[in-house]
Amino acid sequence: MYQIRKATMQDTEKMYQLIRTYADEGKLLHRTLSSLYEHLQCFFVAEQEGEVVGTVSLHILDKDLAEVRSLTVSSTLFGMGIGKNLVTAVINESKSLGVQTILSLTYQVDFFQKCGFQLVDKKQLPMPKVWKDCVHCSKFSNCDENAMIIHIL
């Protein structure tokens, strides 16, 4: 069994390790420990038997748009619903904040479709808000991620 909860300071080292694993594989952007501390209030974690086994962040981009970021699940726990429950946590958080649309820039199209997201053309996205962090990515000039959104309100 696992639980989804808001992240705490004690979680940051394990969060960093999980995110770094996926970032080293080119599946996520790298995050520094400092960045995790600065944005800790945006994170949820999945915890199993006292250990962090998944992460997700909700990043507000504008009054009507937020982004799912840093979604990870320990590779030994794939298929248990942890990722979907982490996404559900940020969807519920978005609803409580009054955010209407959530964005994901991802390679995991099938997964996000199962969570209710739909593919959209990246050109439809509000560029200054979405791409401000992308300029730091090594793939910025040749981005191959898929843009997906879900309307929740």
N, C-alpha and C. Protein backbone atom coordinates (compact mmCIF):
# COMPACT_ATOMS: atom_id res chain seq x y z
N MET A 1 0.83 -1.19 0.00
CA MET A 1 0.00 0.00 0.00
C MET A 1 0.88 1.25 0.00
N TYR A 2 0.34 2.30 -0.58
CA TYR A 2 1.03 3.57 -0.62
C TYR A 2 0.02 4.68 -0.36
N GLN A 3 0.53 5.83 -0.02
CA GLN A 3 -0.33 7.00 0.16
C GLN A 3 0.23 8.18 -0.62
N ILE A 4 -0.65 9.05 -1.07
CA ILE A 4 -0.26 10.29 -1.73
C ILE A 4 -0.44 11.41 -0.71
N ARG A 5 0.58 12.25 -0.56
CA ARG A 5 0.51 13.35 0.41
C ARG A 5 1.38 14.50 -0.08
N LYS A 6 1.22 15.65 0.58
CA LYS A 6 2.07 16.79 0.28
C LYS A 6 3.50 16.46 0.73
N ALA A 7 4.46 16.97 -0.02
CA ALA A 7 5.87 16.72 0.30
C ALA A 7 6.29 17.54 1.52
N THR A 8 7.29 17.02 2.21
CA THR A 8 7.89 17.71 3.36
C THR A 8 9.40 17.83 3.15
N MET A 9 10.02 18.61 3.98
CA MET A 9 11.48 18.80 3.89
C MET A 9 12.22 17.46 3.96
N GLN A 10 11.71 16.54 4.74
CA GLN A 10 12.37 15.24 4.88
C GLN A 10 12.34 14.42 3.60
N ASP A 11 11.49 14.78 2.67
CA ASP A 11 11.35 14.04 1.42
C ASP A 11 12.32 14.47 0.33
N THR A 12 12.94 15.62 0.47
CA THR A 12 13.64 16.24 -0.66
C THR A 12 14.79 15.42 -1.22
N GLU A 13 15.56 14.78 -0.40
CA GLU A 13 16.69 13.98 -0.91
C GLU A 13 16.21 12.85 -1.82
N LYS A 14 15.20 12.13 -1.38
CA LYS A 14 14.67 11.03 -2.19
C LYS A 14 13.98 11.57 -3.45
N MET A 15 13.27 12.69 -3.31
CA MET A 15 12.65 13.32 -4.48
C MET A 15 13.73 13.67 -5.50
N TYR A 16 14.80 14.26 -5.01
CA TYR A 16 15.92 14.64 -5.88
C TYR A 16 16.47 13.42 -6.62
N GLN A 17 16.65 12.32 -5.90
CA GLN A 17 17.19 11.10 -6.52
C GLN A 17 16.25 10.56 -7.60
N LEU A 18 14.96 10.51 -7.32
CA LEU A 18 14.00 10.02 -8.31
C LEU A 18 13.98 10.90 -9.55
N ILE A 19 13.92 12.20 -9.34
CA ILE A 19 13.88 13.14 -10.47
C ILE A 19 15.17 13.06 -11.26
N ARG A 20 16.30 13.00 -10.58
CA ARG A 20 17.60 12.92 -11.26
C ARG A 20 17.70 11.66 -12.13
N THR A 21 17.18 10.55 -11.65
CA THR A 21 17.21 9.30 -12.42
C THR A 21 16.52 9.50 -13.77
N TYR A 22 15.32 10.07 -13.75
CA TYR A 22 14.58 10.30 -15.00
C TYR A 22 15.21 11.40 -15.84
N ALA A 23 15.73 12.43 -15.20
CA ALA A 23 16.38 13.52 -15.94
C ALA A 23 17.64 13.02 -16.63
N ASP A 24 18.41 12.17 -15.96
CA ASP A 24 19.62 11.60 -16.57
C ASP A 24 19.28 10.76 -17.80
N GLU A 25 18.07 10.20 -17.84
CA GLU A 25 17.61 9.42 -18.99
C GLU A 25 16.99 10.32 -20.07
N GLY A 26 16.92 11.62 -19.81
CA GLY A 26 16.35 12.56 -20.78
C GLY A 26 14.83 12.61 -20.77
N LYS A 27 14.20 12.10 -19.72
CA LYS A 27 12.74 12.05 -19.66
C LYS A 27 12.13 13.22 -18.91
N LEU A 28 12.94 13.92 -18.12
CA LEU A 28 12.51 15.08 -17.33
C LEU A 28 13.61 16.12 -17.36
N LEU A 29 13.24 17.33 -16.97
CA LEU A 29 14.26 18.35 -16.76
C LEU A 29 14.92 18.12 -15.40
N HIS A 30 16.20 18.39 -15.31
CA HIS A 30 16.89 18.28 -14.04
C HIS A 30 16.35 19.34 -13.08
N ARG A 31 16.33 19.02 -11.81
CA ARG A 31 15.97 19.95 -10.75
C ARG A 31 17.11 19.92 -9.74
N THR A 32 17.46 21.06 -9.23
CA THR A 32 18.47 21.12 -8.17
C THR A 32 17.79 20.91 -6.83
N LEU A 33 18.57 20.53 -5.84
CA LEU A 33 18.02 20.43 -4.49
C LEU A 33 17.46 21.78 -4.05
N SER A 34 18.16 22.83 -4.39
CA SER A 34 17.70 24.17 -4.05
C SER A 34 16.33 24.45 -4.66
N SER A 35 16.14 24.05 -5.90
CA SER A 35 14.85 24.23 -6.57
C SER A 35 13.75 23.44 -5.87
N LEU A 36 14.07 22.24 -5.42
CA LEU A 36 13.07 21.44 -4.71
C LEU A 36 12.67 22.12 -3.40
N TYR A 37 13.64 22.65 -2.67
CA TYR A 37 13.31 23.38 -1.45
C TYR A 37 12.46 24.61 -1.75
N GLU A 38 12.82 25.35 -2.79
CA GLU A 38 12.09 26.57 -3.14
C GLU A 38 10.65 26.30 -3.55
N HIS A 39 10.40 25.15 -4.16
CA HIS A 39 9.08 24.83 -4.69
C HIS A 39 8.42 23.66 -3.97
N LEU A 40 8.88 23.35 -2.78
CA LEU A 40 8.39 22.18 -2.05
C LEU A 40 6.88 22.20 -1.87
N GLN A 41 6.31 23.38 -1.67
CA GLN A 41 4.87 23.49 -1.45
C GLN A 41 4.07 23.08 -2.69
N CYS A 42 4.71 22.97 -3.84
CA CYS A 42 4.05 22.56 -5.09
C CYS A 42 4.05 21.05 -5.30
N PHE A 43 4.75 20.32 -4.46
CA PHE A 43 4.97 18.88 -4.67
C PHE A 43 4.06 17.99 -3.83
N PHE A 44 3.69 16.89 -4.45
CA PHE A 44 3.09 15.75 -3.77
C PHE A 44 4.06 14.60 -3.91
N VAL A 45 4.02 13.68 -2.96
CA VAL A 45 4.82 12.46 -3.06
C VAL A 45 3.93 11.25 -2.83
N ALA A 46 4.37 10.13 -3.38
CA ALA A 46 3.78 8.84 -3.05
C ALA A 46 4.73 8.20 -2.05
N GLU A 47 4.18 7.71 -0.97
CA GLU A 47 4.99 7.10 0.07
C GLU A 47 4.52 5.67 0.30
N GLN A 48 5.49 4.78 0.37
CA GLN A 48 5.19 3.37 0.65
C GLN A 48 6.14 2.90 1.73
N GLU A 49 5.58 2.41 2.81
CA GLU A 49 6.37 1.90 3.94
C GLU A 49 7.44 2.90 4.37
N GLY A 50 7.06 4.17 4.44
CA GLY A 50 7.97 5.21 4.93
C GLY A 50 8.96 5.73 3.91
N GLU A 51 8.91 5.24 2.67
CA GLU A 51 9.85 5.67 1.64
C GLU A 51 9.12 6.37 0.50
N VAL A 52 9.71 7.47 0.01
CA VAL A 52 9.15 8.18 -1.13
C VAL A 52 9.41 7.35 -2.38
N VAL A 53 8.30 7.02 -3.10
CA VAL A 53 8.42 6.18 -4.29
C VAL A 53 7.87 6.88 -5.54
N GLY A 54 7.46 8.14 -5.39
CA GLY A 54 6.97 8.89 -6.53
C GLY A 54 6.85 10.37 -6.19
N THR A 55 6.88 11.19 -7.24
CA THR A 55 6.78 12.64 -7.07
C THR A 55 5.92 13.23 -8.17
N VAL A 56 5.37 14.38 -7.90
CA VAL A 56 4.72 15.20 -8.92
C VAL A 56 4.65 16.63 -8.38
N SER A 57 4.70 17.57 -9.31
CA SER A 57 4.62 18.98 -8.95
C SER A 57 3.54 19.65 -9.78
N LEU A 58 2.85 20.59 -9.17
CA LEU A 58 1.89 21.43 -9.87
C LEU A 58 2.46 22.83 -9.92
N HIS A 59 2.76 23.29 -11.13
CA HIS A 59 3.37 24.61 -11.31
C HIS A 59 2.34 25.53 -11.97
N ILE A 60 1.97 26.60 -11.29
CA ILE A 60 1.01 27.56 -11.83
C ILE A 60 1.73 28.44 -12.85
N LEU A 61 1.18 28.50 -14.06
CA LEU A 61 1.76 29.30 -15.13
C LEU A 61 1.02 30.62 -15.34
N ASP A 62 -0.28 30.61 -15.09
CA ASP A 62 -1.12 31.78 -15.31
C ASP A 62 -2.41 31.56 -14.54
N LYS A 63 -3.31 32.53 -14.59
CA LYS A 63 -4.54 32.40 -13.80
C LYS A 63 -5.40 31.22 -14.23
N ASP A 64 -5.28 30.79 -15.47
CA ASP A 64 -6.10 29.69 -15.98
C ASP A 64 -5.29 28.47 -16.39
N LEU A 65 -3.99 28.44 -16.11
CA LEU A 65 -3.15 27.37 -16.63
C LEU A 65 -2.09 26.95 -15.61
N ALA A 66 -2.01 25.64 -15.40
CA ALA A 66 -0.97 25.06 -14.55
C ALA A 66 -0.31 23.92 -15.32
N GLU A 67 0.83 23.48 -14.84
CA GLU A 67 1.57 22.41 -15.51
C GLU A 67 1.91 21.30 -14.52
N VAL A 68 1.76 20.06 -14.98
CA VAL A 68 2.25 18.90 -14.24
C VAL A 68 3.75 18.81 -14.51
N ARG A 69 4.54 18.76 -13.47
CA ARG A 69 5.99 18.66 -13.62
C ARG A 69 6.54 17.56 -12.72
N SER A 70 7.72 17.11 -13.07
CA SER A 70 8.50 16.19 -12.23
C SER A 70 7.73 14.97 -11.77
N LEU A 71 6.95 14.38 -12.68
CA LEU A 71 6.21 13.16 -12.35
C LEU A 71 7.16 11.97 -12.43
N THR A 72 7.31 11.30 -11.31
CA THR A 72 8.18 10.12 -11.24
C THR A 72 7.49 9.03 -10.44
N VAL A 73 7.84 7.80 -10.75
CA VAL A 73 7.45 6.64 -9.95
C VAL A 73 8.64 5.70 -9.98
N SER A 74 8.98 5.16 -8.84
CA SER A 74 10.07 4.18 -8.77
C SER A 74 9.81 3.07 -9.78
N SER A 75 10.82 2.75 -10.57
CA SER A 75 10.65 1.79 -11.67
C SER A 75 10.20 0.41 -11.18
N THR A 76 10.44 0.09 -9.94
CA THR A 76 10.03 -1.21 -9.42
C THR A 76 8.53 -1.26 -9.09
N LEU A 77 7.85 -0.10 -9.19
CA LEU A 77 6.44 -0.02 -8.80
C LEU A 77 5.53 0.39 -9.95
N PHE A 78 6.01 0.29 -11.19
CA PHE A 78 5.17 0.61 -12.33
C PHE A 78 3.93 -0.28 -12.34
N GLY A 79 2.83 0.28 -12.82
CA GLY A 79 1.61 -0.49 -12.99
C GLY A 79 0.75 -0.62 -11.75
N MET A 80 1.11 0.06 -10.68
CA MET A 80 0.33 -0.02 -9.44
C MET A 80 -0.64 1.15 -9.29
N GLY A 81 -0.68 2.05 -10.27
CA GLY A 81 -1.59 3.19 -10.17
C GLY A 81 -1.01 4.40 -9.47
N ILE A 82 0.25 4.34 -9.10
CA ILE A 82 0.86 5.45 -8.35
C ILE A 82 0.91 6.71 -9.21
N GLY A 83 1.37 6.59 -10.44
CA GLY A 83 1.45 7.76 -11.32
C GLY A 83 0.10 8.40 -11.53
N LYS A 84 -0.90 7.59 -11.79
CA LYS A 84 -2.26 8.12 -12.01
C LYS A 84 -2.77 8.82 -10.75
N ASN A 85 -2.52 8.26 -9.59
CA ASN A 85 -2.96 8.89 -8.36
C ASN A 85 -2.19 10.17 -8.06
N LEU A 86 -0.94 10.24 -8.45
CA LEU A 86 -0.20 11.50 -8.31
C LEU A 86 -0.79 12.57 -9.22
N VAL A 87 -1.13 12.21 -10.45
CA VAL A 87 -1.75 13.16 -11.37
C VAL A 87 -3.12 13.58 -10.83
N THR A 88 -3.87 12.65 -10.29
CA THR A 88 -5.16 12.99 -9.70
C THR A 88 -5.00 14.00 -8.56
N ALA A 89 -3.94 13.86 -7.79
CA ALA A 89 -3.69 14.81 -6.70
C ALA A 89 -3.50 16.22 -7.23
N VAL A 90 -2.75 16.38 -8.33
CA VAL A 90 -2.56 17.74 -8.87
C VAL A 90 -3.82 18.24 -9.57
N ILE A 91 -4.60 17.34 -10.14
CA ILE A 91 -5.89 17.77 -10.72
C ILE A 91 -6.79 18.29 -9.60
N ASN A 92 -6.87 17.58 -8.50
CA ASN A 92 -7.70 18.02 -7.38
C ASN A 92 -7.19 19.33 -6.79
N GLU A 93 -5.89 19.47 -6.70
CA GLU A 93 -5.29 20.72 -6.21
C GLU A 93 -5.64 21.87 -7.15
N SER A 94 -5.58 21.62 -8.45
CA SER A 94 -5.93 22.64 -9.44
C SER A 94 -7.38 23.08 -9.29
N LYS A 95 -8.26 22.11 -9.11
CA LYS A 95 -9.67 22.43 -8.90
C LYS A 95 -9.85 23.32 -7.68
N SER A 96 -9.17 22.97 -6.59
CA SER A 96 -9.33 23.76 -5.36
C SER A 96 -8.76 25.16 -5.51
N LEU A 97 -7.79 25.34 -6.39
CA LEU A 97 -7.21 26.66 -6.64
C LEU A 97 -7.99 27.46 -7.69
N GLY A 98 -8.85 26.79 -8.43
CA GLY A 98 -9.63 27.45 -9.47
C GLY A 98 -8.93 27.52 -10.81
N VAL A 99 -7.91 26.70 -11.01
CA VAL A 99 -7.21 26.63 -12.29
C VAL A 99 -8.06 25.82 -13.26
N GLN A 100 -8.21 26.31 -14.48
CA GLN A 100 -9.12 25.67 -15.42
C GLN A 100 -8.47 24.60 -16.30
N THR A 101 -7.18 24.75 -16.59
CA THR A 101 -6.52 23.86 -17.54
C THR A 101 -5.17 23.45 -16.99
N ILE A 102 -4.84 22.18 -17.18
CA ILE A 102 -3.52 21.67 -16.79
C ILE A 102 -2.82 21.17 -18.04
N LEU A 103 -1.55 21.49 -18.13
CA LEU A 103 -0.69 21.15 -19.25
C LEU A 103 0.34 20.11 -18.81
N SER A 104 0.70 19.26 -19.73
CA SER A 104 1.84 18.38 -19.54
C SER A 104 2.66 18.38 -20.82
N LEU A 105 3.95 18.59 -20.70
CA LEU A 105 4.89 18.41 -21.80
C LEU A 105 5.56 17.07 -21.53
N THR A 106 5.33 16.10 -22.39
CA THR A 106 5.65 14.72 -22.01
C THR A 106 6.01 13.85 -23.21
N TYR A 107 6.65 12.73 -22.88
CA TYR A 107 6.86 11.64 -23.84
C TYR A 107 5.86 10.52 -23.59
N GLN A 108 5.15 10.59 -22.48
CA GLN A 108 4.25 9.52 -22.03
C GLN A 108 2.81 9.79 -22.45
N VAL A 109 2.57 9.82 -23.75
CA VAL A 109 1.27 10.18 -24.31
C VAL A 109 0.18 9.22 -23.84
N ASP A 110 0.40 7.92 -23.95
CA ASP A 110 -0.63 6.94 -23.55
C ASP A 110 -1.02 7.11 -22.09
N PHE A 111 -0.03 7.29 -21.24
CA PHE A 111 -0.30 7.45 -19.82
C PHE A 111 -1.20 8.67 -19.57
N PHE A 112 -0.82 9.80 -20.14
CA PHE A 112 -1.60 11.01 -19.89
C PHE A 112 -2.98 10.94 -20.55
N GLN A 113 -3.11 10.24 -21.66
CA GLN A 113 -4.44 10.04 -22.24
C GLN A 113 -5.33 9.25 -21.28
N LYS A 114 -4.77 8.26 -20.62
CA LYS A 114 -5.53 7.48 -19.63
C LYS A 114 -5.95 8.35 -18.44
N CYS A 115 -5.21 9.43 -18.21
CA CYS A 115 -5.54 10.37 -17.13
C CYS A 115 -6.50 11.47 -17.61
N GLY A 116 -6.93 11.42 -18.87
CA GLY A 116 -7.90 12.38 -19.38
C GLY A 116 -7.33 13.53 -20.18
N PHE A 117 -6.02 13.55 -20.40
CA PHE A 117 -5.38 14.62 -21.17
C PHE A 117 -5.55 14.36 -22.66
N GLN A 118 -5.51 15.43 -23.44
CA GLN A 118 -5.60 15.33 -24.90
C GLN A 118 -4.39 16.02 -25.53
N LEU A 119 -3.93 15.46 -26.63
CA LEU A 119 -2.82 16.06 -27.37
C LEU A 119 -3.26 17.40 -27.96
N VAL A 120 -2.36 18.39 -27.92
CA VAL A 120 -2.60 19.68 -28.56
C VAL A 120 -1.31 20.10 -29.27
N ASP A 121 -1.44 20.99 -30.21
CA ASP A 121 -0.29 21.55 -30.90
C ASP A 121 0.41 22.52 -29.95
N LYS A 122 1.72 22.36 -29.78
CA LYS A 122 2.47 23.24 -28.89
C LYS A 122 2.32 24.70 -29.26
N LYS A 123 2.06 24.97 -30.53
CA LYS A 123 1.92 26.36 -30.99
C LYS A 123 0.68 27.02 -30.41
N GLN A 124 -0.27 26.24 -29.92
CA GLN A 124 -1.49 26.78 -29.32
C GLN A 124 -1.27 27.27 -27.89
N LEU A 125 -0.16 26.91 -27.30
CA LEU A 125 0.10 27.24 -25.90
C LEU A 125 0.58 28.68 -25.76
N PRO A 126 0.28 29.31 -24.60
CA PRO A 126 0.75 30.68 -24.37
C PRO A 126 2.27 30.70 -24.19
N MET A 127 2.96 31.03 -25.24
CA MET A 127 4.42 30.87 -25.30
C MET A 127 5.20 31.50 -24.14
N PRO A 128 5.01 32.76 -23.82
CA PRO A 128 5.85 33.34 -22.76
C PRO A 128 5.73 32.61 -21.43
N LYS A 129 4.55 32.14 -21.10
CA LYS A 129 4.34 31.44 -19.83
C LYS A 129 4.92 30.04 -19.85
N VAL A 130 4.66 29.29 -20.90
CA VAL A 130 5.06 27.90 -20.97
C VAL A 130 6.55 27.73 -21.21
N TRP A 131 7.10 28.50 -22.11
CA TRP A 131 8.47 28.27 -22.56
C TRP A 131 9.54 28.94 -21.72
N LYS A 132 9.18 29.73 -20.70
CA LYS A 132 10.20 30.44 -19.93
C LYS A 132 11.20 29.48 -19.27
N ASP A 133 10.74 28.31 -18.87
CA ASP A 133 11.66 27.32 -18.30
C ASP A 133 12.31 26.47 -19.36
N CYS A 134 11.67 26.36 -20.51
CA CYS A 134 12.19 25.51 -21.58
C CYS A 134 13.50 26.05 -22.16
N VAL A 135 13.73 27.34 -22.06
CA VAL A 135 14.96 27.90 -22.63
C VAL A 135 16.20 27.34 -21.95
N HIS A 136 16.03 26.74 -20.78
CA HIS A 136 17.17 26.14 -20.07
C HIS A 136 17.40 24.69 -20.45
N CYS A 137 16.52 24.15 -21.27
CA CYS A 137 16.60 22.75 -21.66
C CYS A 137 17.54 22.59 -22.87
N SER A 138 18.30 21.52 -22.86
CA SER A 138 19.21 21.26 -23.98
C SER A 138 18.45 20.95 -25.27
N LYS A 139 17.17 20.59 -25.17
CA LYS A 139 16.37 20.27 -26.35
C LYS A 139 15.51 21.45 -26.82
N PHE A 140 15.74 22.63 -26.27
CA PHE A 140 14.86 23.77 -26.54
C PHE A 140 14.69 24.04 -28.04
N SER A 141 15.77 24.04 -28.78
CA SER A 141 15.67 24.37 -30.20
C SER A 141 15.09 23.23 -31.03
N ASN A 142 15.02 22.04 -30.44
CA ASN A 142 14.49 20.88 -31.17
C ASN A 142 13.65 20.02 -30.21
N CYS A 143 12.66 20.64 -29.59
CA CYS A 143 11.83 19.96 -28.59
C CYS A 143 11.03 18.83 -29.23
N ASP A 144 11.13 17.65 -28.64
CA ASP A 144 10.38 16.52 -29.16
C ASP A 144 9.31 16.02 -28.18
N GLU A 145 9.03 16.80 -27.15
CA GLU A 145 7.98 16.43 -26.22
C GLU A 145 6.61 16.72 -26.82
N ASN A 146 5.63 16.05 -26.30
CA ASN A 146 4.25 16.23 -26.73
C ASN A 146 3.53 17.14 -25.73
N ALA A 147 2.72 18.07 -26.23
CA ALA A 147 1.92 18.93 -25.39
C ALA A 147 0.56 18.28 -25.21
N MET A 148 0.13 18.19 -23.96
CA MET A 148 -1.17 17.60 -23.65
C MET A 148 -1.85 18.48 -22.61
N ILE A 149 -3.16 18.59 -22.71
CA ILE A 149 -3.90 19.39 -21.74
C ILE A 149 -5.15 18.65 -21.28
N ILE A 150 -5.63 19.07 -20.13
CA ILE A 150 -6.91 18.62 -19.61
C ILE A 150 -7.62 19.84 -19.07
N HIS A 151 -8.89 20.00 -19.42
CA HIS A 151 -9.72 21.08 -18.90
C HIS A 151 -10.49 20.52 -17.72
N ILE A 152 -10.39 21.18 -16.58
CA ILE A 152 -10.98 20.61 -15.36
C ILE A 152 -12.12 21.43 -14.77
N LEU A 153 -12.29 22.67 -15.21
CA LEU A 153 -13.40 23.48 -14.67
C LEU A 153 -14.30 23.92 -15.77
